[in-house]
Amino acid sequence: METRNEHLRGQGNNLPVPHPGGVFTGALMKKTAMTKAALLALATFGASAAFAQSSLTIYGNIDIGLDNVNKGQGNVSGTTLGAVPALSAAFSNKSTVTRLSSSISSVNALGFRGVEDLGGGYKGGFVLEGQFQVDTGAQSGQDGRMWGRQAFVSLTTPGGEIRLGRQYAPMFFTFAFTTVEALGGADIQGSGLIVNNLQVRQDNQVSYWLKTGGLTAALSYATNAGVDAAVSSSRGQAAGSTSGQIIGGQTAGNETPNSGNRGQTFGLFVNYAFDPGFLINGSYHSNKFGDARLVSGALTWADLDKYESFAIGSKYTIPGAGTILSGIFHQGKFTNDSGNNEGPKINTWALGVKQPIGNFAVGAQFAQSKFANFTEGKDTSLMLIGDYNFSKRTKLYIRAGYAKDEAGNTAATGRATPGGGVRGGPLPLLTGFGSLETPFFSGGGANVDATTRVVAIGVRHQF
């Protein structure tokens, strides 16, 4: 077993024998000890050589802070949003809340990673990774799945690595490699990523990874990454429920007969790191909805067909100064039925800067996400960053920022919508429709046609 700073590795028959705690000199006790040692050696003979070339890593992150989220009064008058209880509550209420919140600067996690050297350039491995809330101790994210962050087995060969199971989407790594933060709840450089949950994690994924020199690349395919027959903002629904569930919901990835190509997903990621301190990358994502219905209450908003997106990103660390500069552009578009009718198209761009000053670090992020068609609504966000690093593992942080939603025009959703269509920018509107798993700022959310302000102070520890 090993942690990041400690390695305990078996050395075959050179492993020390645990002492029972006293000194025994009798012949009988010596014979008993030798017999037990011999039996143990025989029982583990086949495993000892493999153990000598294997490792198990336990790792994790604990992040919690005291935050205040102030949401302005939203305006959904003249649209169907105000007539649907589940949506009007999400979009219109003015509120202020002070909370203990998890995962503000980085997402909480507990993980196990195993690697076995098989020889000849081959390695077997696995990753199991879950998420939890420090304020309550409960499982969080991914509808409470025990290993909702990642759960896969892998085989590394001289020609690359193959992974099978629940994994991050290739699109995720453009943002993870590029942001100046760590994709926690306050990281607004992830705005384009969360437009569609399947760009973050996917069920039933097969991926191929290649790492050589400065190049890192991945290609993925999922049989059903997480699309149910109906899509809504509901959580914890049974597969096939008429009330629907969020994209990527707990049972949305069930592989059922006669479901066509629903949830079939492809992804590509390419990153090149130059020396010193400069990287550039790009990614592509495509998932099929198989005519899943977008629903809320008794209304069907649209018949979803597919979603496609691409992203490009770059990050540069100035030698000597340590200043980190980054930028990301993302574009995603939905098509609403098998007739390939154009649905919402979202453009997002984000910039980040971070400057270390001794044990301190200060920085800022700016992002704008806009419907290029549809409502033409947009969200503009700014986040200020302050860190004090007690060590490489532990830091105290402050975050302060806002997100302003401009509702744009009233638009139809793809089906007849009695009462006047919808308005809003991508952040609040797609949250209400079930495309996003976690709303803005660790679940704080944002209202249509309103400004949300946030401030937080917290502690993060990594192990």
Foldseek 3Di string as FASTA:
>chain_A
DAEPVGDDAADFPPDDDDDPPDDDDDPVVVVVVVVVVVVVCVVCVVPRVQRNQKGKYKWWKWWKWKKKKWFDAFDWPLACQCVFVLRCVQFGDTDMDIDTFTFQQHFTKIKMKMWTDPDPFKIKIWMFMFGAIPVVRAGDDQQRDGRNAWTWIWMTHPAWMKIWFKYFFQLQVLQCVFFPTHPTLQRCQCVQQQLFCLNGMFGGKIKTWDDDAQKTKMKMKHQARFAALAAFLDADDDGPDPQHHFGSHNCRRDDDPPLPSARIKIKMKMKGQDPPFKIKIKMKIKTAHSQRFQDGDPDTQFRWGMKIKMKIKMWGQDPPFRKIKMKMKMKMWTATDPVRHTFWIKIKMKIKIWGDDPQKIWIKMWMKMAGPDFQRKIKTKIKIWIWGHPDPFKIKIKIWMKIAIEFHHAGGGHDDGPSTHTTIGSQSVSSRRRRGRAGRRNNSHHHGRIMMIMIIIIMMGID
